[in-house]
């Protein structure tokens, strides 16, 4: 849910500061995907380094946490802007 909330914040800021032009939505999508990748990677690191899970156990969780919001962001940009 945090990923979708962050996506909404990115799109809201793009709309607020740049009147939701296609360029601003493209930039907001790119910024969101990069930031969300870093957040998901940090979650992966915490799972492996701190919680003691194996990388193979955490990888599917990372892929799920990263890919759903990122794919949604790319789909929304592609379909609506």
N, C-alpha and C. Protein backbone atom coordinates (compact mmCIF):
# COMPACT_ATOMS: atom_id res chain seq x y z
N UNK A 1 0.81 -1.19 0.00
CA UNK A 1 0.00 0.00 0.00
C UNK A 1 0.86 1.26 0.00
N UNK A 2 2.00 1.20 0.65
CA UNK A 2 2.87 2.38 0.71
C UNK A 2 3.34 2.79 -0.68
N UNK A 3 3.57 1.82 -1.54
CA UNK A 3 4.00 2.13 -2.90
C UNK A 3 2.94 2.87 -3.69
N UNK A 4 1.70 2.45 -3.53
CA UNK A 4 0.61 3.13 -4.23
C UNK A 4 0.38 4.52 -3.66
N UNK A 5 0.55 4.67 -2.37
CA UNK A 5 0.44 5.98 -1.74
C UNK A 5 1.56 6.90 -2.24
N UNK A 6 2.77 6.39 -2.31
CA UNK A 6 3.89 7.18 -2.83
C UNK A 6 3.67 7.56 -4.29
N UNK A 7 3.11 6.66 -5.06
CA UNK A 7 2.79 6.96 -6.46
C UNK A 7 1.79 8.10 -6.54
N UNK A 8 0.77 8.05 -5.72
CA UNK A 8 -0.22 9.12 -5.70
C UNK A 8 0.39 10.46 -5.31
N UNK A 9 1.31 10.43 -4.37
CA UNK A 9 2.00 11.66 -3.96
C UNK A 9 2.83 12.21 -5.11
N UNK A 10 3.54 11.35 -5.81
CA UNK A 10 4.35 11.79 -6.95
C UNK A 10 3.48 12.40 -8.04
N UNK A 11 2.39 11.75 -8.37
CA UNK A 11 1.49 12.29 -9.39
C UNK A 11 0.80 13.56 -8.91
N UNK A 12 0.46 13.62 -7.64
CA UNK A 12 -0.15 14.82 -7.09
C UNK A 12 0.80 16.01 -7.14
N UNK A 13 2.07 15.78 -6.80
CA UNK A 13 3.06 16.85 -6.88
C UNK A 13 3.29 17.28 -8.33
N UNK A 14 3.29 16.33 -9.25
CA UNK A 14 3.45 16.67 -10.66
C UNK A 14 2.29 17.52 -11.15
N UNK A 15 1.11 17.19 -10.71
CA UNK A 15 -0.07 17.95 -11.12
C UNK A 15 -0.07 19.33 -10.47
N UNK A 16 0.33 19.39 -9.22
CA UNK A 16 0.33 20.64 -8.49
C UNK A 16 1.36 21.63 -9.04
N UNK A 17 2.58 21.16 -9.30
CA UNK A 17 3.65 22.05 -9.69
C UNK A 17 3.79 22.25 -11.20
N UNK A 18 3.27 21.35 -12.00
CA UNK A 18 3.50 21.46 -13.45
C UNK A 18 2.22 21.32 -14.25
N UNK A 19 1.07 21.45 -13.62
CA UNK A 19 -0.22 21.39 -14.31
C UNK A 19 -0.45 20.09 -15.07
N UNK A 20 0.14 19.02 -14.61
CA UNK A 20 -0.06 17.66 -15.14
C UNK A 20 0.25 17.56 -16.63
N UNK A 21 1.29 18.22 -17.07
CA UNK A 21 1.69 18.06 -18.46
C UNK A 21 2.27 16.65 -18.64
N UNK A 22 2.36 16.24 -19.88
CA UNK A 22 2.87 14.91 -20.17
C UNK A 22 4.31 14.78 -19.67
N UNK A 23 5.08 15.82 -19.82
CA UNK A 23 6.47 15.78 -19.37
C UNK A 23 6.56 15.64 -17.86
N UNK A 24 5.72 16.35 -17.13
CA UNK A 24 5.78 16.27 -15.67
C UNK A 24 5.34 14.90 -15.18
N UNK A 25 4.37 14.28 -15.83
CA UNK A 25 3.95 12.94 -15.44
C UNK A 25 5.05 11.93 -15.76
N UNK A 26 5.74 12.11 -16.87
CA UNK A 26 6.85 11.23 -17.23
C UNK A 26 7.97 11.34 -16.20
N UNK A 27 8.29 12.56 -15.79
CA UNK A 27 9.32 12.76 -14.78
C UNK A 27 8.88 12.17 -13.45
N UNK A 28 7.62 12.40 -13.07
CA UNK A 28 7.11 11.87 -11.79
C UNK A 28 7.15 10.35 -11.79
N UNK A 29 6.82 9.74 -12.91
CA UNK A 29 6.87 8.27 -13.00
C UNK A 29 8.30 7.77 -12.86
N UNK A 30 9.22 8.41 -13.54
CA UNK A 30 10.63 8.01 -13.45
C UNK A 30 11.17 8.17 -12.04
N UNK A 31 10.86 9.31 -11.42
CA UNK A 31 11.32 9.55 -10.05
C UNK A 31 10.72 8.52 -9.11
N UNK A 32 9.44 8.23 -9.27
CA UNK A 32 8.79 7.25 -8.40
C UNK A 32 9.44 5.88 -8.54
N UNK A 33 9.66 5.42 -9.77
CA UNK A 33 10.22 4.09 -9.99
C UNK A 33 11.62 3.99 -9.38
N UNK A 34 12.43 5.02 -9.54
CA UNK A 34 13.78 4.99 -8.97
C UNK A 34 13.72 4.97 -7.45
N UNK A 35 12.91 5.86 -6.87
CA UNK A 35 12.80 5.91 -5.41
C UNK A 35 12.21 4.61 -4.88
N UNK A 36 11.21 4.09 -5.55
CA UNK A 36 10.59 2.86 -5.06
C UNK A 36 11.53 1.67 -5.17
N UNK A 37 12.37 1.65 -6.20
CA UNK A 37 13.38 0.60 -6.30
C UNK A 37 14.33 0.66 -5.11
N UNK A 38 14.76 1.86 -4.76
CA UNK A 38 15.66 2.02 -3.62
C UNK A 38 14.99 1.59 -2.31
N UNK A 39 13.73 1.93 -2.14
CA UNK A 39 13.00 1.53 -0.93
C UNK A 39 12.86 0.00 -0.88
N UNK A 40 12.50 -0.60 -2.00
CA UNK A 40 12.35 -2.06 -2.04
C UNK A 40 13.70 -2.76 -1.83
N UNK A 41 14.76 -2.18 -2.38
CA UNK A 41 16.09 -2.76 -2.18
C UNK A 41 16.52 -2.65 -0.72
N UNK A 42 16.18 -1.54 -0.08
CA UNK A 42 16.48 -1.39 1.35
C UNK A 42 15.71 -2.42 2.16
N UNK A 43 14.48 -2.68 1.79
CA UNK A 43 13.69 -3.71 2.45
C UNK A 43 14.33 -5.09 2.26
N UNK A 44 14.82 -5.35 1.07
CA UNK A 44 15.52 -6.61 0.79
C UNK A 44 16.76 -6.73 1.67
N UNK A 45 17.53 -5.65 1.76
CA UNK A 45 18.74 -5.67 2.57
C UNK A 45 18.43 -5.93 4.04
N UNK A 46 17.38 -5.26 4.55
CA UNK A 46 16.99 -5.47 5.95
C UNK A 46 16.59 -6.92 6.17
N UNK A 47 15.86 -7.48 5.24
CA UNK A 47 15.44 -8.87 5.37
C UNK A 47 16.60 -9.84 5.39
N UNK A 48 17.62 -9.56 4.58
CA UNK A 48 18.77 -10.47 4.51
C UNK A 48 19.75 -10.20 5.64
N UNK A 49 20.11 -8.94 5.83
CA UNK A 49 21.17 -8.61 6.79
C UNK A 49 20.68 -8.59 8.24
N UNK A 50 19.50 -8.10 8.48
CA UNK A 50 19.03 -7.92 9.85
C UNK A 50 18.13 -9.05 10.33
N UNK A 51 17.20 -9.47 9.48
CA UNK A 51 16.23 -10.48 9.90
C UNK A 51 16.75 -11.90 9.72
N UNK A 52 17.80 -12.06 8.93
CA UNK A 52 18.41 -13.37 8.79
C UNK A 52 17.82 -14.26 7.71
N UNK A 53 17.00 -13.70 6.84
CA UNK A 53 16.47 -14.50 5.74
C UNK A 53 17.53 -14.68 4.67
N UNK A 54 17.43 -15.75 3.93
CA UNK A 54 18.33 -15.97 2.80
C UNK A 54 17.91 -15.08 1.65
N UNK A 55 18.87 -14.74 0.79
CA UNK A 55 18.58 -13.91 -0.37
C UNK A 55 17.50 -14.55 -1.24
N UNK A 56 17.56 -15.85 -1.39
CA UNK A 56 16.57 -16.57 -2.20
C UNK A 56 15.18 -16.49 -1.60
N UNK A 57 15.07 -16.37 -0.30
CA UNK A 57 13.77 -16.23 0.35
C UNK A 57 13.23 -14.81 0.19
N UNK A 58 14.11 -13.83 0.20
CA UNK A 58 13.70 -12.43 0.13
C UNK A 58 13.47 -11.95 -1.30
N UNK A 59 14.08 -12.59 -2.28
CA UNK A 59 13.96 -12.12 -3.66
C UNK A 59 12.52 -12.08 -4.17
N UNK A 60 11.70 -13.12 -3.94
CA UNK A 60 10.30 -13.02 -4.39
C UNK A 60 9.54 -11.89 -3.70
N UNK A 61 9.85 -11.65 -2.45
CA UNK A 61 9.20 -10.55 -1.72
C UNK A 61 9.61 -9.22 -2.34
N UNK A 62 10.90 -9.07 -2.63
CA UNK A 62 11.39 -7.85 -3.28
C UNK A 62 10.70 -7.64 -4.63
N UNK A 63 10.63 -8.68 -5.42
CA UNK A 63 10.00 -8.55 -6.73
C UNK A 63 8.54 -8.14 -6.62
N UNK A 64 7.84 -8.69 -5.66
CA UNK A 64 6.44 -8.33 -5.46
C UNK A 64 6.30 -6.89 -4.97
N UNK A 65 7.11 -6.53 -3.99
CA UNK A 65 7.04 -5.17 -3.43
C UNK A 65 7.40 -4.13 -4.48
N UNK A 66 8.39 -4.41 -5.30
CA UNK A 66 8.81 -3.44 -6.31
C UNK A 66 7.91 -3.45 -7.55
N UNK A 67 7.60 -4.62 -8.06
CA UNK A 67 6.98 -4.69 -9.38
C UNK A 67 5.53 -4.23 -9.43
N UNK A 68 4.74 -4.49 -8.41
CA UNK A 68 3.33 -4.09 -8.47
C UNK A 68 3.16 -2.57 -8.56
N UNK A 69 3.72 -1.78 -7.65
CA UNK A 69 3.57 -0.33 -7.81
C UNK A 69 4.29 0.23 -9.04
N UNK A 70 5.45 -0.30 -9.37
CA UNK A 70 6.18 0.20 -10.54
C UNK A 70 5.41 -0.10 -11.82
N UNK A 71 4.88 -1.30 -11.94
CA UNK A 71 4.09 -1.64 -13.13
C UNK A 71 2.83 -0.80 -13.21
N UNK A 72 2.22 -0.53 -12.07
CA UNK A 72 1.03 0.33 -12.05
C UNK A 72 1.39 1.74 -12.51
N UNK A 73 2.50 2.27 -12.04
CA UNK A 73 2.93 3.61 -12.45
C UNK A 73 3.17 3.68 -13.95
N UNK A 74 3.84 2.69 -14.48
CA UNK A 74 4.13 2.67 -15.92
C UNK A 74 2.84 2.50 -16.71
N UNK A 75 1.94 1.67 -16.24
CA UNK A 75 0.66 1.48 -16.94
C UNK A 75 -0.17 2.77 -16.93
N UNK A 76 -0.23 3.43 -15.81
CA UNK A 76 -1.01 4.68 -15.72
C UNK A 76 -0.43 5.73 -16.65
N UNK A 77 0.89 5.87 -16.66
CA UNK A 77 1.52 6.84 -17.57
C UNK A 77 1.24 6.49 -19.02
N UNK A 78 1.35 5.22 -19.34
CA UNK A 78 1.14 4.78 -20.72
C UNK A 78 -0.31 4.93 -21.16
N UNK A 79 -1.25 4.60 -20.30
CA UNK A 79 -2.66 4.56 -20.67
C UNK A 79 -3.32 5.94 -20.63
N UNK A 80 -2.97 6.75 -19.66
CA UNK A 80 -3.73 7.98 -19.44
C UNK A 80 -2.97 9.25 -19.80
N UNK A 81 -1.67 9.17 -20.03
CA UNK A 81 -0.92 10.40 -20.33
C UNK A 81 -0.15 10.23 -21.58
